[in-house]
């Protein structure tokens, strides 16, 4: 009963952990949702130039206005959209009211423009991507903040192309700009110079850099593993219970002295019969009752001397032989017994 209680506690814990992993598998974006990334916020309230971007701002929806820095543009190859591999066209955008982070200083900051990379669109045509240009004028954007990508070597790429949207790499190409630790993927653009998803470009979905949730396979695997542990605990308890039952049934339980069984070899391998002396020791009966030789009886004579009762009929000297043996007497005349 003690082992059963322990197993039930373990199984309850394992099943509870499995349920927790299932919840994680189904609701893995709860933390991001609780951070309020779906709430539209002013860009300048959440982003500072030349300052690290907090991780909680990834996928945050923001609104901003400004203009395109038309000559500051790069093409990013190797991007996939709707199953097609092509190019992103990324143009720097100068937000109105942009500012540096608190305590951040930059050389000649007054002479430089603060801008952030914006993905204007996708195309499978390399020439179209290289020739595309944003329009001049005011633009209003609603976008999501994308986490910046790490820089990768692109020496084998044509001029104007980079492998990742890395602000540290892009800013080296345009030294007159200051930038942010992130980029934007527009949801919508308005104004005379919207230029998002226009002139042959396809608008890039804002879910490109987001984890849309659904069913998390890793958490699901962990949930199954906890159920396997619970099944193993029950199986081990069953095996222990079964072994204990078999020991008791066979009388092998060393804690039950009344039911102990001792095994005695009573016949050697290949022997045709059991030793009568061995059987006598087991049953407590005389050996001759088990086929052994019956011992001769002894009786005392008239002088108190022992005399064997055997077939020879020898008697000690000087003793009375007693009456003759009547075993040969003819009893036919008397009808004797």
Protein backbone atom coordinates (compact mmCIF):
# COMPACT_ATOMS: atom_id res chain seq x y z
CA UNK A 1 0.00 0.00 0.00
CA UNK A 2 2.90 2.33 0.68
CA UNK A 3 4.36 1.72 -2.75
CA UNK A 4 0.93 2.21 -4.31
CA UNK A 5 0.55 5.57 -2.56
CA UNK A 6 3.99 6.66 -3.79
CA UNK A 7 3.16 5.59 -7.36
CA UNK A 8 -0.14 7.48 -7.29
CA UNK A 9 1.67 10.65 -6.17
CA UNK A 10 4.26 10.27 -8.94
CA UNK A 11 1.62 9.57 -11.59
CA UNK A 12 -0.36 12.63 -10.50
CA UNK A 13 2.75 14.81 -10.79
CA UNK A 14 3.67 13.37 -14.19
CA UNK A 15 0.16 13.83 -15.59
CA UNK A 16 0.09 17.38 -14.24
CA UNK A 17 3.39 18.19 -15.95
CA UNK A 18 2.08 16.68 -19.17
CA UNK A 19 -1.01 18.88 -18.98
CA UNK A 20 1.19 21.92 -18.40
CA UNK A 21 3.22 21.11 -21.52
CA UNK A 22 0.01 20.74 -23.54
CA UNK A 23 -1.05 24.20 -22.43
CA UNK A 24 2.33 25.55 -23.49
CA UNK A 25 1.97 23.84 -26.85
CA UNK A 26 -1.41 25.45 -27.45
CA UNK A 27 -0.75 28.90 -26.01
CA UNK A 28 2.92 29.64 -26.61
CA UNK A 29 2.20 33.24 -27.60
CA UNK A 30 0.43 34.19 -24.37
CA UNK A 31 3.51 36.04 -23.09
CA UNK A 32 3.77 38.08 -26.28
CA UNK A 33 0.05 38.83 -26.20
CA UNK A 34 0.22 39.92 -22.57
CA UNK A 35 3.01 42.35 -23.48
CA UNK A 36 0.49 44.35 -25.51
CA UNK A 37 2.19 44.06 -28.91
CA UNK A 38 -1.21 44.25 -30.63
CA UNK A 39 -1.92 47.68 -29.18
CA UNK A 40 -0.94 50.43 -31.64
CA UNK A 41 1.65 52.74 -30.11
CA UNK A 42 3.49 55.84 -31.26
CA UNK A 43 6.85 54.87 -32.74
CA UNK A 44 8.81 57.62 -30.97
CA UNK A 45 7.39 56.55 -27.61
CA UNK A 46 8.86 53.07 -27.83
CA UNK A 47 11.97 53.38 -30.03
CA UNK A 48 15.18 55.35 -29.48
CA UNK A 49 17.88 55.74 -32.13
CA UNK A 50 21.35 54.36 -31.47
CA UNK A 51 20.03 52.41 -28.47
CA UNK A 52 19.40 48.70 -27.91
CA UNK A 53 15.87 47.52 -28.58
CA UNK A 54 14.17 45.66 -25.70
CA UNK A 55 13.07 42.17 -26.70
CA UNK A 56 9.48 42.87 -25.64
CA UNK A 57 9.18 45.32 -28.55
CA UNK A 58 9.51 42.57 -31.17
CA UNK A 59 6.31 42.49 -33.27
CA UNK A 60 5.02 45.64 -31.57
CA UNK A 61 2.54 47.59 -33.72
CA UNK A 62 3.51 51.23 -34.17
CA UNK A 63 2.37 54.27 -36.12
CA UNK A 64 4.68 56.93 -37.52
CA UNK A 65 5.01 59.52 -40.22
CA UNK A 66 8.01 60.77 -42.17
CA UNK A 67 9.68 60.41 -45.54
CA UNK A 68 11.82 57.98 -47.47
CA UNK A 69 15.58 58.40 -47.74
CA UNK A 70 15.39 57.38 -51.38
CA UNK A 71 19.08 56.86 -52.06
CA UNK A 72 19.61 54.73 -48.97
CA UNK A 73 18.25 51.41 -50.18
CA UNK A 74 19.45 47.78 -50.21
CA UNK A 75 18.25 44.52 -51.76
CA UNK A 76 18.18 41.36 -49.62
CA UNK A 77 18.25 38.10 -51.61
CA UNK A 78 17.17 34.64 -50.47
CA UNK A 79 13.77 35.64 -49.07
CA UNK A 80 10.78 33.33 -49.45
CA UNK A 81 7.16 34.40 -49.83
CA UNK A 82 4.25 32.15 -50.81
CA UNK A 83 6.72 29.45 -51.76
CA UNK A 84 8.72 31.70 -54.11
CA UNK A 85 12.32 32.71 -53.48
CA UNK A 86 13.16 36.30 -54.29
CA UNK A 87 14.31 39.65 -52.93
CA UNK A 88 13.31 42.16 -50.31
CA UNK A 89 13.58 45.83 -51.20
CA UNK A 90 14.56 47.69 -48.02
CA UNK A 91 14.56 51.49 -47.96
CA UNK A 92 15.60 53.74 -45.09
CA UNK A 93 12.76 55.82 -43.63
CA UNK A 94 13.23 59.03 -41.60
CA UNK A 95 10.51 59.30 -38.91
CA UNK A 96 9.22 62.70 -37.86
CA UNK A 97 10.27 63.55 -34.30
CA UNK A 98 13.01 60.90 -34.19
CA UNK A 99 15.47 61.19 -31.28
CA UNK A 100 18.50 59.50 -29.85
CA UNK A 101 18.31 57.35 -26.76
CA UNK A 102 18.79 58.90 -23.34
CA UNK A 103 22.45 59.44 -22.65
CA UNK A 104 23.44 58.43 -26.18
CA UNK A 105 25.94 60.62 -28.00
CA UNK A 106 26.92 60.37 -31.65
CA UNK A 107 29.58 62.27 -33.56
CA UNK A 108 28.12 64.99 -35.78
CA UNK A 109 24.61 63.90 -34.79
CA UNK A 110 23.18 67.29 -35.88
CA UNK A 111 24.48 66.72 -39.41
CA UNK A 112 23.05 63.21 -39.77
CA UNK A 113 19.58 61.88 -40.48
CA UNK A 114 17.95 59.39 -38.15
CA UNK A 115 16.33 56.62 -40.21
CA UNK A 116 15.07 53.06 -39.82
CA UNK A 117 15.05 50.28 -42.47
CA UNK A 118 11.58 49.55 -43.88
CA UNK A 119 10.71 46.53 -46.04
CA UNK A 120 8.88 48.11 -48.98
CA UNK A 121 8.13 44.87 -50.80
CA UNK A 122 9.10 41.53 -52.31
CA UNK A 123 9.85 40.46 -55.86
CA UNK A 124 11.32 37.47 -57.66
CA UNK A 125 12.82 39.79 -60.32
CA UNK A 126 16.34 40.85 -59.36
CA UNK A 127 16.42 43.68 -61.90
CA UNK A 128 13.10 45.05 -60.69
CA UNK A 129 14.34 44.98 -57.10
CA UNK A 130 17.51 46.86 -58.03
CA UNK A 131 15.66 49.54 -60.05
CA UNK A 132 12.76 50.13 -57.65
CA UNK A 133 12.73 53.52 -55.91
CA UNK A 134 10.45 55.07 -53.32
CA UNK A 135 8.53 58.22 -54.16
CA UNK A 136 9.29 61.59 -52.60
CA UNK A 137 6.85 63.10 -50.13
CA UNK A 138 5.18 62.54 -46.81
CA UNK A 139 4.21 59.04 -45.74
CA UNK A 140 2.18 57.66 -42.85
CA UNK A 141 2.90 54.09 -41.82
CA UNK A 142 1.34 51.49 -39.57
CA UNK A 143 3.91 48.75 -39.10
CA UNK A 144 5.36 46.07 -36.86
CA UNK A 145 8.83 46.23 -35.39
CA UNK A 146 11.04 43.37 -36.56
CA UNK A 147 14.03 42.19 -34.51
CA UNK A 148 17.26 43.08 -36.21
CA UNK A 149 19.15 40.30 -37.99
CA UNK A 150 22.80 39.45 -37.54
CA UNK A 151 25.26 40.58 -40.22
CA UNK A 152 26.57 38.03 -42.74
CA UNK A 153 29.37 38.34 -45.28
CA UNK A 154 28.18 39.36 -48.73
CA UNK A 155 31.38 39.89 -50.70
CA UNK A 156 30.10 37.62 -53.46
CA UNK A 157 26.88 39.63 -53.89
CA UNK A 158 26.32 42.37 -56.46
CA UNK A 159 26.61 45.99 -55.35
CA UNK A 160 23.64 47.15 -53.32
CA UNK A 161 22.80 43.69 -51.95
CA UNK A 162 23.21 42.38 -48.40
CA UNK A 163 22.29 39.01 -46.96
CA UNK A 164 20.47 40.24 -43.86
CA UNK A 165 18.62 43.27 -42.55
CA UNK A 166 21.42 44.26 -40.19
CA UNK A 167 21.44 47.91 -39.22
CA UNK A 168 25.11 47.76 -38.26
CA UNK A 169 25.93 46.55 -41.76
CA UNK A 170 23.54 48.91 -43.55
CA UNK A 171 24.79 51.97 -41.68
CA UNK A 172 28.31 51.29 -42.92
CA UNK A 173 26.96 51.66 -46.45
CA UNK A 174 25.34 55.02 -45.58
CA UNK A 175 27.60 56.85 -43.12
CA UNK A 176 25.41 59.97 -43.11
CA UNK A 177 22.63 58.14 -41.29
CA UNK A 178 21.94 57.15 -37.70
CA UNK A 179 19.64 54.20 -37.18
CA UNK A 180 17.77 51.90 -34.78
CA UNK A 181 18.24 48.36 -33.51
CA UNK A 182 15.31 47.09 -35.51
CA UNK A 183 13.42 47.42 -38.79
CA UNK A 184 9.80 47.87 -39.85
CA UNK A 185 7.40 45.71 -41.88
CA UNK A 186 4.46 47.93 -42.90
CA UNK A 187 0.87 46.84 -42.42
CA UNK A 188 -0.39 49.86 -44.33
CA UNK A 189 0.99 53.02 -45.90
CA UNK A 190 -0.76 56.19 -46.91
CA UNK A 191 0.23 59.56 -48.34
CA UNK A 192 1.53 60.83 -51.63
CA UNK A 193 4.68 58.70 -51.40
CA UNK A 194 3.31 55.49 -49.84
CA UNK A 195 5.54 53.28 -52.07
CA UNK A 196 4.80 50.05 -50.13
CA UNK A 197 3.88 47.11 -52.34
CA UNK A 198 3.82 49.32 -55.46
CA UNK A 199 5.54 49.38 -58.87
CA UNK A 200 5.62 45.59 -59.18
CA UNK A 201 6.52 44.87 -55.59
CA UNK A 202 4.40 42.59 -53.41
CA UNK A 203 3.75 43.71 -49.86
CA UNK A 204 5.53 41.53 -47.30
CA UNK A 205 3.20 40.02 -44.65
CA UNK A 206 3.80 41.32 -41.15
CA UNK A 207 3.82 37.72 -39.92
CA UNK A 208 7.14 37.09 -41.67
CA UNK A 209 9.20 37.57 -38.51
CA UNK A 210 6.48 36.57 -36.07
CA UNK A 211 5.74 33.28 -34.34
CA UNK A 212 2.08 32.86 -35.10
CA UNK A 213 1.53 30.28 -32.45
CA UNK A 214 -0.50 27.21 -33.19
CA UNK A 215 0.73 23.89 -31.86
CA UNK A 216 4.27 23.80 -30.49
CA UNK A 217 5.72 20.40 -31.43
CA UNK A 218 8.52 20.53 -28.85
CA UNK A 219 6.13 21.09 -25.95
CA UNK A 220 3.88 18.33 -27.33
CA UNK A 221 6.80 15.88 -27.29
CA UNK A 222 7.55 16.81 -23.67
CA UNK A 223 3.90 16.19 -22.80
CA UNK A 224 4.08 12.68 -24.29
CA UNK A 225 7.31 11.98 -22.39
CA UNK A 226 5.65 12.80 -19.05
CA UNK A 227 2.82 10.39 -19.87
CA UNK A 228 5.41 7.70 -20.66
CA UNK A 229 7.01 8.29 -17.25
CA UNK A 230 3.61 7.90 -15.59
CA UNK A 231 2.99 4.62 -17.45
CA UNK A 232 6.45 3.35 -16.43
CA UNK A 233 5.75 4.10 -12.78
CA UNK A 234 2.50 2.11 -12.91
CA UNK A 235 4.21 -0.75 -14.75
CA UNK A 236 7.03 -0.97 -12.21
CA UNK A 237 4.54 -1.02 -9.34
CA UNK A 238 2.57 -3.78 -11.09
CA UNK A 239 5.72 -5.85 -11.55
CA UNK A 240 6.65 -5.47 -7.88
CA UNK A 241 3.13 -6.46 -6.84
CA UNK A 242 3.18 -9.49 -9.15
CA UNK A 243 6.57 -10.66 -7.88
CA UNK A 244 5.41 -10.33 -4.29
CA UNK A 245 2.26 -12.31 -5.05
CA UNK A 246 4.25 -15.09 -6.68
CA UNK A 247 6.65 -15.31 -3.74
CA UNK A 248 3.78 -15.62 -1.32
CA UNK A 249 2.05 -18.21 -3.47
CA UNK A 250 5.19 -20.32 -3.68
CA UNK A 251 5.89 -19.89 0.03
CA UNK A 252 9.14 -18.10 -0.54
CA UNK A 253 8.38 -15.09 1.60
CA UNK A 254 11.23 -15.02 4.12
CA UNK A 255 9.14 -12.84 6.45
CA UNK A 256 6.49 -15.62 6.87
CA UNK A 257 8.30 -18.31 8.87
CA UNK A 258 5.23 -20.61 9.05
CA UNK A 259 5.06 -20.88 5.27
CA UNK A 260 8.73 -21.47 4.63
CA UNK A 261 9.52 -24.46 2.43
CA UNK A 262 12.81 -26.35 2.51
CA UNK A 263 13.77 -28.42 -0.51
CA UNK A 264 15.49 -31.82 0.19
CA UNK A 265 17.06 -34.04 -2.44
CA UNK A 266 15.58 -37.54 -1.84
CA UNK A 267 16.77 -39.26 -4.96
CA UNK A 268 19.95 -38.69 -6.89
CA UNK A 269 19.74 -38.14 -10.61
CA UNK A 270 19.64 -41.49 -12.44
CA UNK A 271 18.69 -43.55 -9.36
CA UNK A 272 15.84 -46.02 -9.83
CA UNK A 273 14.53 -45.78 -6.28
CA UNK A 274 14.57 -43.57 -3.24
CA UNK A 275 16.88 -44.46 -0.37
CA UNK A 276 14.68 -45.98 2.37
CA UNK A 277 16.77 -44.32 5.07
CA UNK A 278 16.13 -40.94 3.44
CA UNK A 279 12.41 -41.65 3.25
CA UNK A 280 12.45 -42.74 6.87
CA UNK A 281 13.97 -39.45 7.85
CA UNK A 282 11.30 -37.57 5.90
CA UNK A 283 8.25 -39.55 7.07
CA UNK A 284 9.35 -40.72 10.49
CA UNK A 285 8.45 -44.34 9.67
CA UNK A 286 10.90 -47.29 9.89
CA UNK A 287 13.09 -47.83 6.87
CA UNK A 288 11.62 -51.29 6.20
CA UNK A 289 8.26 -49.69 5.66
CA UNK A 290 9.83 -48.03 2.63
CA UNK A 291 11.40 -51.18 1.22
CA UNK A 292 14.45 -51.42 3.45
CA UNK A 293 15.74 -54.60 5.24
CA UNK A 294 13.74 -55.54 8.29
CA UNK A 295 16.03 -55.89 11.33
CA UNK A 296 16.03 -59.22 13.31
CA UNK A 297 14.27 -59.39 16.68
CA UNK A 298 16.20 -60.27 19.84
CA UNK A 299 14.84 -61.88 23.05
CA UNK A 300 16.28 -62.67 26.44
CA UNK A 301 17.05 -66.28 27.62
CA UNK A 302 16.29 -67.87 31.01
CA UNK A 303 19.52 -66.51 32.46
CA UNK A 304 18.82 -63.06 31.18
CA UNK A 305 21.09 -63.57 28.17
CA UNK A 306 20.09 -62.21 24.80
CA UNK A 307 19.33 -64.72 22.14
CA UNK A 308 18.79 -64.12 18.47
CA UNK A 309 15.59 -65.38 16.99
CA UNK A 310 17.01 -66.60 13.72
CA UNK A 311 16.66 -69.51 11.36
CA UNK A 312 19.65 -71.41 12.76
CA UNK A 313 18.01 -71.90 16.17
CA UNK A 314 21.40 -71.88 17.93
CA UNK A 315 21.07 -71.71 21.68
CA UNK A 316 23.52 -70.85 24.33
CA UNK A 317 25.17 -73.76 26.10
CA UNK A 318 23.55 -75.00 29.36
CA UNK A 319 20.17 -73.60 28.61
CA UNK A 320 16.89 -75.29 28.16
CA UNK A 321 15.91 -75.54 24.60
CA UNK A 322 12.29 -75.31 25.55
CA UNK A 323 9.47 -76.94 23.73
CA UNK A 324 10.03 -78.11 20.25
CA UNK A 325 8.97 -76.01 17.30
CA UNK A 326 5.48 -77.08 16.28
CA UNK A 327 5.80 -75.61 12.86
CA UNK A 328 6.19 -79.15 11.37
CA UNK A 329 3.36 -80.78 13.35
CA UNK A 330 0.82 -82.55 11.21
CA UNK A 331 -2.47 -80.87 12.05
CA UNK A 332 -4.56 -82.72 9.53
CA UNK A 333 -5.74 -85.28 12.10
CA UNK A 334 -6.91 -82.65 14.53
CA UNK A 335 -7.97 -80.02 12.10
CA UNK A 336 -5.53 -77.76 13.80
CA UNK A 337 -4.92 -74.06 12.96
